[in-house]
Amino acid sequence: MFLRFALCEALALISAAAAFVIRPESAWTYIDGAVFALVLMAVHVWPNERQTRKLEASLEREGGTSHLRTAMAG
C-alpha cells in the first residue's frame, strides 16, 4: 500500500515540477496532475475488502485474533 501511495504521489510531485517547466507556466498543469493522483489514490490506496482480508490473514497467521474488521467498522 505504501508503494502504491508513493507512486500516486509521485505523479502529483512531477506535475508540480512540470508546472514550472512547461510553457506557458500555469497552475492547471499541477491541478490536472493532482486530481489524477487523487483519483489513483482513491482507487489503489484506499483500503478495500480484499486488502483488509489480506492484512487480517497476515495478522492472524500464527493463530491470534486481530479484530481488524471490528476496529475498521467502528
PDB file of N, CA and C in Angstrom:
ATOM      1  N   MET A   1       0.828  -1.184   0.000  1.00  0.00           N
ATOM      2  CA  MET A   1       0.000   0.000   0.000  1.00  0.00           C
ATOM      3  C   MET A   1       0.874   1.250   0.000  1.00  0.00           C
ATOM      4  N   PHE A   2       1.983   1.200   0.748  1.00  0.00           N
ATOM      5  CA  PHE A   2       2.864   2.365   0.778  1.00  0.00           C
ATOM      6  C   PHE A   2       3.519   2.602  -0.579  1.00  0.00           C
ATOM      7  N   LEU A   3       3.865   1.543  -1.276  1.00  0.00           N
ATOM      8  CA  LEU A   3       4.445   1.685  -2.604  1.00  0.00           C
ATOM      9  C   LEU A   3       3.426   2.294  -3.556  1.00  0.00           C
ATOM     10  N   ARG A   4       2.194   1.827  -3.489  1.00  0.00           N
ATOM     11  CA  ARG A   4       1.147   2.393  -4.340  1.00  0.00           C
ATOM     12  C   ARG A   4       0.939   3.868  -4.034  1.00  0.00           C
ATOM     13  N   PHE A   5       0.934   4.221  -2.749  1.00  0.00           N
ATOM     14  CA  PHE A   5       0.769   5.618  -2.369  1.00  0.00           C
ATOM     15  C   PHE A   5       1.926   6.462  -2.900  1.00  0.00           C
ATOM     16  N   ALA A   6       3.145   5.955  -2.777  1.00  0.00           N
ATOM     17  CA  ALA A   6       4.318   6.699  -3.247  1.00  0.00           C
ATOM     18  C   ALA A   6       4.263   6.921  -4.754  1.00  0.00           C
ATOM     19  N   LEU A   7       3.842   5.912  -5.494  1.00  0.00           N
ATOM     20  CA  LEU A   7       3.754   6.065  -6.943  1.00  0.00           C
ATOM     21  C   LEU A   7       2.668   7.064  -7.344  1.00  0.00           C
ATOM     22  N   CYS A   8       1.543   7.035  -6.654  1.00  0.00           N
ATOM     23  CA  CYS A   8       0.478   8.001  -6.939  1.00  0.00           C
ATOM     24  C   CYS A   8       0.917   9.418  -6.570  1.00  0.00           C
ATOM     25  N   GLU A   9       1.581   9.549  -5.449  1.00  0.00           N
ATOM     26  CA  GLU A   9       2.043  10.859  -5.003  1.00  0.00           C
ATOM     27  C   GLU A   9       3.149  11.396  -5.912  1.00  0.00           C
ATOM     28  N   ALA A  10       3.941  10.502  -6.479  1.00  0.00           N
ATOM     29  CA  ALA A  10       4.995  10.934  -7.398  1.00  0.00           C
ATOM     30  C   ALA A  10       4.396  11.664  -8.596  1.00  0.00           C
ATOM     31  N   LEU A  11       3.240  11.233  -9.047  1.00  0.00           N
ATOM     32  CA  LEU A  11       2.581  11.905 -10.158  1.00  0.00           C
ATOM     33  C   LEU A  11       2.261  13.358  -9.809  1.00  0.00           C
ATOM     34  N   ALA A  12       1.774  13.597  -8.591  1.00  0.00           N
ATOM     35  CA  ALA A  12       1.481  14.963  -8.162  1.00  0.00           C
ATOM     36  C   ALA A  12       2.758  15.792  -8.061  1.00  0.00           C
ATOM     37  N   LEU A  13       3.840  15.204  -7.574  1.00  0.00           N
ATOM     38  CA  LEU A  13       5.103  15.935  -7.454  1.00  0.00           C
ATOM     39  C   LEU A  13       5.703  16.242  -8.822  1.00  0.00           C
ATOM     40  N   ILE A  14       5.611  15.307  -9.743  1.00  0.00           N
ATOM     41  CA  ILE A  14       6.118  15.540 -11.099  1.00  0.00           C
ATOM     42  C   ILE A  14       5.305  16.630 -11.788  1.00  0.00           C
ATOM     43  N   SER A  15       4.011  16.627 -11.574  1.00  0.00           N
ATOM     44  CA  SER A  15       3.183  17.667 -12.193  1.00  0.00           C
ATOM     45  C   SER A  15       3.465  19.039 -11.573  1.00  0.00           C
ATOM     46  N   ALA A  16       3.850  19.081 -10.306  1.00  0.00           N
ATOM     47  CA  ALA A  16       4.228  20.368  -9.694  1.00  0.00           C
ATOM     48  C   ALA A  16       5.509  20.893 -10.327  1.00  0.00           C
ATOM     49  N   ALA A  17       6.466  20.018 -10.571  1.00  0.00           N
ATOM     50  CA  ALA A  17       7.697  20.441 -11.242  1.00  0.00           C
ATOM     51  C   ALA A  17       7.416  20.842 -12.683  1.00  0.00           C
ATOM     52  N   ALA A  18       6.558  20.103 -13.349  1.00  0.00           N
ATOM     53  CA  ALA A  18       6.227  20.405 -14.743  1.00  0.00           C
ATOM     54  C   ALA A  18       5.495  21.729 -14.873  1.00  0.00           C
ATOM     55  N   ALA A  19       4.787  22.141 -13.848  1.00  0.00           N
ATOM     56  CA  ALA A  19       4.075  23.416 -13.892  1.00  0.00           C
ATOM     57  C   ALA A  19       5.033  24.592 -14.042  1.00  0.00           C
ATOM     58  N   PHE A  20       6.290  24.428 -13.600  1.00  0.00           N
ATOM     59  CA  PHE A  20       7.270  25.489 -13.729  1.00  0.00           C
ATOM     60  C   PHE A  20       8.085  25.379 -15.016  1.00  0.00           C
ATOM     61  N   VAL A  21       8.098  24.211 -15.633  1.00  0.00           N
ATOM     62  CA  VAL A  21       8.946  23.979 -16.804  1.00  0.00           C
ATOM     63  C   VAL A  21       8.171  24.150 -18.106  1.00  0.00           C
ATOM     64  N   ILE A  22       6.978  23.613 -18.168  1.00  0.00           N
ATOM     65  CA  ILE A  22       6.187  23.632 -19.403  1.00  0.00           C
ATOM     66  C   ILE A  22       5.686  25.047 -19.670  1.00  0.00           C
ATOM     67  N   ARG A  23       5.817  25.480 -20.905  1.00  0.00           N
ATOM     68  CA  ARG A  23       5.342  26.804 -21.299  1.00  0.00           C
ATOM     69  C   ARG A  23       3.917  26.695 -21.798  1.00  0.00           C
ATOM     70  N   PRO A  24       3.024  27.590 -21.537  1.00  0.00           N
ATOM     71  CA  PRO A  24       3.117  28.669 -20.558  1.00  0.00           C
ATOM     72  C   PRO A  24       2.960  28.124 -19.143  1.00  0.00           C
ATOM     73  N   GLU A  25       3.648  28.741 -18.212  1.00  0.00           N
ATOM     74  CA  GLU A  25       3.541  28.303 -16.816  1.00  0.00           C
ATOM     75  C   GLU A  25       2.114  28.542 -16.339  1.00  0.00           C
ATOM     76  N   SER A  26       1.513  27.505 -15.833  1.00  0.00           N
ATOM     77  CA  SER A  26       0.126  27.601 -15.407  1.00  0.00           C
ATOM     78  C   SER A  26      -0.131  26.643 -14.252  1.00  0.00           C
ATOM     79  N   ALA A  27      -1.043  27.025 -13.409  1.00  0.00           N
ATOM     80  CA  ALA A  27      -1.422  26.161 -12.293  1.00  0.00           C
ATOM     81  C   ALA A  27      -2.230  24.965 -12.783  1.00  0.00           C
ATOM     82  N   TRP A  28      -2.784  25.047 -13.977  1.00  0.00           N
ATOM     83  CA  TRP A  28      -3.602  23.950 -14.492  1.00  0.00           C
ATOM     84  C   TRP A  28      -2.791  22.683 -14.704  1.00  0.00           C
ATOM     85  N   THR A  29      -1.512  22.844 -15.006  1.00  0.00           N
ATOM     86  CA  THR A  29      -0.663  21.664 -15.150  1.00  0.00           C
ATOM     87  C   THR A  29      -0.614  20.893 -13.843  1.00  0.00           C
ATOM     88  N   TYR A  30      -0.431  21.595 -12.733  1.00  0.00           N
ATOM     89  CA  TYR A  30      -0.396  20.931 -11.437  1.00  0.00           C
ATOM     90  C   TYR A  30      -1.777  20.420 -11.037  1.00  0.00           C
ATOM     91  N   ILE A  31      -2.796  21.210 -11.271  1.00  0.00           N
ATOM     92  CA  ILE A  31      -4.150  20.814 -10.878  1.00  0.00           C
ATOM     93  C   ILE A  31      -4.557  19.523 -11.591  1.00  0.00           C
ATOM     94  N   ASP A  32      -4.254  19.419 -12.880  1.00  0.00           N
ATOM     95  CA  ASP A  32      -4.568  18.199 -13.621  1.00  0.00           C
ATOM     96  C   ASP A  32      -3.847  16.994 -13.021  1.00  0.00           C
ATOM     97  N   GLY A  33      -2.559  17.150 -12.740  1.00  0.00           N
ATOM     98  CA  GLY A  33      -1.790  16.049 -12.157  1.00  0.00           C
ATOM     99  C   GLY A  33      -2.258  15.689 -10.759  1.00  0.00           C
ATOM    100  N   ALA A  34      -2.600  16.698  -9.970  1.00  0.00           N
ATOM    101  CA  ALA A  34      -3.047  16.445  -8.599  1.00  0.00           C
ATOM    102  C   ALA A  34      -4.402  15.733  -8.577  1.00  0.00           C
ATOM    103  N   VAL A  35      -5.306  16.143  -9.438  1.00  0.00           N
ATOM    104  CA  VAL A  35      -6.618  15.491  -9.498  1.00  0.00           C
ATOM    105  C   VAL A  35      -6.463  14.042  -9.952  1.00  0.00           C
ATOM    106  N   PHE A  36      -5.625  13.826 -10.956  1.00  0.00           N
ATOM    107  CA  PHE A  36      -5.382  12.466 -11.425  1.00  0.00           C
ATOM    108  C   PHE A  36      -4.750  11.616 -10.327  1.00  0.00           C
ATOM    109  N   ALA A  37      -3.811  12.198  -9.566  1.00  0.00           N
ATOM    110  CA  ALA A  37      -3.170  11.472  -8.456  1.00  0.00           C
ATOM    111  C   ALA A  37      -4.191  11.131  -7.369  1.00  0.00           C
ATOM    112  N   LEU A  38      -5.095  12.046  -7.074  1.00  0.00           N
ATOM    113  CA  LEU A  38      -6.119  11.777  -6.067  1.00  0.00           C
ATOM    114  C   LEU A  38      -7.064  10.656  -6.505  1.00  0.00           C
ATOM    115  N   VAL A  39      -7.413  10.647  -7.784  1.00  0.00           N
ATOM    116  CA  VAL A  39      -8.270   9.577  -8.298  1.00  0.00           C
ATOM    117  C   VAL A  39      -7.546   8.239  -8.196  1.00  0.00           C
ATOM    118  N   LEU A  40      -6.259   8.215  -8.560  1.00  0.00           N
ATOM    119  CA  LEU A  40      -5.486   6.982  -8.444  1.00  0.00           C
ATOM    120  C   LEU A  40      -5.400   6.519  -6.992  1.00  0.00           C
ATOM    121  N   MET A  41      -5.227   7.465  -6.067  1.00  0.00           N
ATOM    122  CA  MET A  41      -5.163   7.096  -4.650  1.00  0.00           C
ATOM    123  C   MET A  41      -6.491   6.519  -4.175  1.00  0.00           C
ATOM    124  N   ALA A  42      -7.587   7.104  -4.622  1.00  0.00           N
ATOM    125  CA  ALA A  42      -8.897   6.590  -4.217  1.00  0.00           C
ATOM    126  C   ALA A  42      -9.116   5.168  -4.716  1.00  0.00           C
ATOM    127  N   VAL A  43      -8.590   4.864  -5.891  1.00  0.00           N
ATOM    128  CA  VAL A  43      -8.789   3.539  -6.471  1.00  0.00           C
ATOM    129  C   VAL A  43      -7.799   2.521  -5.905  1.00  0.00           C
ATOM    130  N   HIS A  44      -6.526   2.905  -5.786  1.00  0.00           N
ATOM    131  CA  HIS A  44      -5.480   1.930  -5.466  1.00  0.00           C
ATOM    132  C   HIS A  44      -5.010   1.933  -4.012  1.00  0.00           C
ATOM    133  N   VAL A  45      -5.219   3.010  -3.283  1.00  0.00           N
ATOM    134  CA  VAL A  45      -4.654   3.111  -1.938  1.00  0.00           C
ATOM    135  C   VAL A  45      -5.717   2.966  -0.849  1.00  0.00           C
ATOM    136  N   TRP A  46      -6.909   3.471  -1.085  1.00  0.00           N
ATOM    137  CA  TRP A  46      -7.964   3.404  -0.063  1.00  0.00           C
ATOM    138  C   TRP A  46      -8.239   1.944   0.271  1.00  0.00           C
ATOM    139  N   PRO A  47      -8.266   1.588   1.548  1.00  0.00           N
ATOM    140  CA  PRO A  47      -8.454   0.179   1.924  1.00  0.00           C
ATOM    141  C   PRO A  47      -9.788  -0.371   1.415  1.00  0.00           C
ATOM    142  N   ASN A  48      -9.720  -1.507   0.748  1.00  0.00           N
ATOM    143  CA  ASN A  48     -10.935  -2.163   0.283  1.00  0.00           C
ATOM    144  C   ASN A  48     -11.040  -3.536   0.953  1.00  0.00           C
ATOM    145  N   GLU A  49     -12.047  -4.280   0.595  1.00  0.00           N
ATOM    146  CA  GLU A  49     -12.302  -5.576   1.238  1.00  0.00           C
ATOM    147  C   GLU A  49     -11.144  -6.545   1.024  1.00  0.00           C
ATOM    148  N   ARG A  50     -10.605  -6.586  -0.190  1.00  0.00           N
ATOM    149  CA  ARG A  50      -9.512  -7.513  -0.494  1.00  0.00           C
ATOM    150  C   ARG A  50      -8.262  -7.197   0.324  1.00  0.00           C
ATOM    151  N   GLN A  51      -7.900  -5.924   0.400  1.00  0.00           N
ATOM    152  CA  GLN A  51      -6.718  -5.536   1.182  1.00  0.00           C
ATOM    153  C   GLN A  51      -6.929  -5.803   2.669  1.00  0.00           C
ATOM    154  N   THR A  52      -8.145  -5.578   3.137  1.00  0.00           N
ATOM    155  CA  THR A  52      -8.449  -5.808   4.544  1.00  0.00           C
ATOM    156  C   THR A  52      -8.343  -7.296   4.886  1.00  0.00           C
ATOM    157  N   ARG A  53      -8.888  -8.155   4.017  1.00  0.00           N
ATOM    158  CA  ARG A  53      -8.781  -9.600   4.245  1.00  0.00           C
ATOM    159  C   ARG A  53      -7.333 -10.058   4.235  1.00  0.00           C
ATOM    160  N   LYS A  54      -6.540  -9.538   3.301  1.00  0.00           N
ATOM    161  CA  LYS A  54      -5.126  -9.919   3.198  1.00  0.00           C
ATOM    162  C   LYS A  54      -4.354  -9.504   4.447  1.00  0.00           C
ATOM    163  N   LEU A  55      -4.581  -8.289   4.933  1.00  0.00           N
ATOM    164  CA  LEU A  55      -3.906  -7.819   6.142  1.00  0.00           C
ATOM    165  C   LEU A  55      -4.363  -8.602   7.361  1.00  0.00           C
ATOM    166  N   GLU A  56      -5.651  -8.868   7.442  1.00  0.00           N
ATOM    167  CA  GLU A  56      -6.173  -9.632   8.572  1.00  0.00           C
ATOM    168  C   GLU A  56      -5.600 -11.056   8.588  1.00  0.00           C
ATOM    169  N   ALA A  57      -5.481 -11.669   7.415  1.00  0.00           N
ATOM    170  CA  ALA A  57      -4.905 -13.019   7.338  1.00  0.00           C
ATOM    171  C   ALA A  57      -3.446 -13.008   7.771  1.00  0.00           C
ATOM    172  N   SER A  58      -2.702 -11.979   7.394  1.00  0.00           N
ATOM    173  CA  SER A  58      -1.293 -11.929   7.800  1.00  0.00           C
ATOM    174  C   SER A  58      -1.153 -11.666   9.295  1.00  0.00           C
ATOM    175  N   LEU A  59      -2.068 -10.914   9.878  1.00  0.00           N
ATOM    176  CA  LEU A  59      -2.015 -10.657  11.316  1.00  0.00           C
ATOM    177  C   LEU A  59      -2.407 -11.896  12.122  1.00  0.00           C
ATOM    178  N   GLU A  60      -3.314 -12.686  11.567  1.00  0.00           N
ATOM    179  CA  GLU A  60      -3.812 -13.866  12.276  1.00  0.00           C
ATOM    180  C   GLU A  60      -3.110 -15.150  11.841  1.00  0.00           C
ATOM    181  N   ARG A  61      -1.999 -15.040  11.169  1.00  0.00           N
ATOM    182  CA  ARG A  61      -1.291 -16.200  10.630  1.00  0.00           C
ATOM    183  C   ARG A  61      -0.859 -17.182  11.710  1.00  0.00           C
ATOM    184  N   GLU A  62      -0.452 -16.697  12.858  1.00  0.00           N
ATOM    185  CA  GLU A  62       0.061 -17.583  13.909  1.00  0.00           C
ATOM    186  C   GLU A  62      -1.013 -17.963  14.929  1.00  0.00           C
ATOM    187  N   GLY A  63      -2.276 -17.774  14.591  1.00  0.00           N
ATOM    188  CA  GLY A  63      -3.351 -18.233  15.451  1.00  0.00           C
ATOM    189  C   GLY A  63      -3.982 -17.167  16.326  1.00  0.00           C
ATOM    190  N   GLY A  64      -3.487 -15.960  16.290  1.00  0.00           N
ATOM    191  CA  GLY A  64      -4.062 -14.893  17.110  1.00  0.00           C
ATOM    192  C   GLY A  64      -5.322 -14.333  16.489  1.00  0.00           C
ATOM    193  N   THR A  65      -5.960 -13.428  17.199  1.00  0.00           N
ATOM    194  CA  THR A  65      -7.151 -12.753  16.703  1.00  0.00           C
ATOM    195  C   THR A  65      -6.860 -11.270  16.644  1.00  0.00           C
ATOM    196  N   SER A  66      -7.049 -10.667  15.488  1.00  0.00           N
ATOM    197  CA  SER A  66      -6.676  -9.261  15.326  1.00  0.00           C
ATOM    198  C   SER A  66      -7.855  -8.304  15.526  1.00  0.00           C
ATOM    199  N   HIS A  67      -9.080  -8.739  15.309  1.00  0.00           N
ATOM    200  CA  HIS A  67     -10.274  -7.891  15.400  1.00  0.00           C
ATOM    201  C   HIS A  67     -10.166  -6.683  14.479  1.00  0.00           C
ATOM    202  N   LEU A  68      -9.516  -6.862  13.337  1.00  0.00           N
ATOM    203  CA  LEU A  68      -9.301  -5.764  12.398  1.00  0.00           C
ATOM    204  C   LEU A  68     -10.617  -5.263  11.810  1.00  0.00           C
ATOM    205  N   ARG A  69     -11.473  -6.155  11.376  1.00  0.00           N
ATOM    206  CA  ARG A  69     -12.755  -5.724  10.773  1.00  0.00           C
ATOM    207  C   ARG A  69     -13.605  -4.978  11.784  1.00  0.00           C
ATOM    208  N   THR A  70     -13.603  -5.414  13.034  1.00  0.00           N
ATOM    209  CA  THR A  70     -14.366  -4.722  14.069  1.00  0.00           C
ATOM    210  C   THR A  70     -13.817  -3.319  14.294  1.00  0.00           C
ATOM    211  N   ALA A  71     -12.506  -3.195  14.329  1.00  0.00           N
ATOM    212  CA  ALA A  71     -11.879  -1.893  14.547  1.00  0.00           C
ATOM    213  C   ALA A  71     -12.132  -0.948  13.369  1.00  0.00           C
ATOM    214  N   MET A  72     -12.143  -1.478  12.165  1.00  0.00           N
ATOM    215  CA  MET A  72     -12.358  -0.625  10.988  1.00  0.00           C
ATOM    216  C   MET A  72     -13.829  -0.258  10.816  1.00  0.00           C
ATOM    217  N   ALA A  73     -14.722  -1.081  11.305  1.00  0.00           N
ATOM    218  CA  ALA A  73     -16.147  -0.803  11.173  1.00  0.00           C
ATOM    219  C   ALA A  73     -16.609   0.289  12.125  1.00  0.00           C
ATOM    220  N   GLY A  74     -15.999   0.396  13.268  1.00  0.00           N
ATOM    221  CA  GLY A  74     -16.486   1.345  14.264  1.00  0.00           C
ATOM    222  C   GLY A  74     -15.545   2.406  14.503  1.00  0.00           C
TER     223      GLY A  74
END
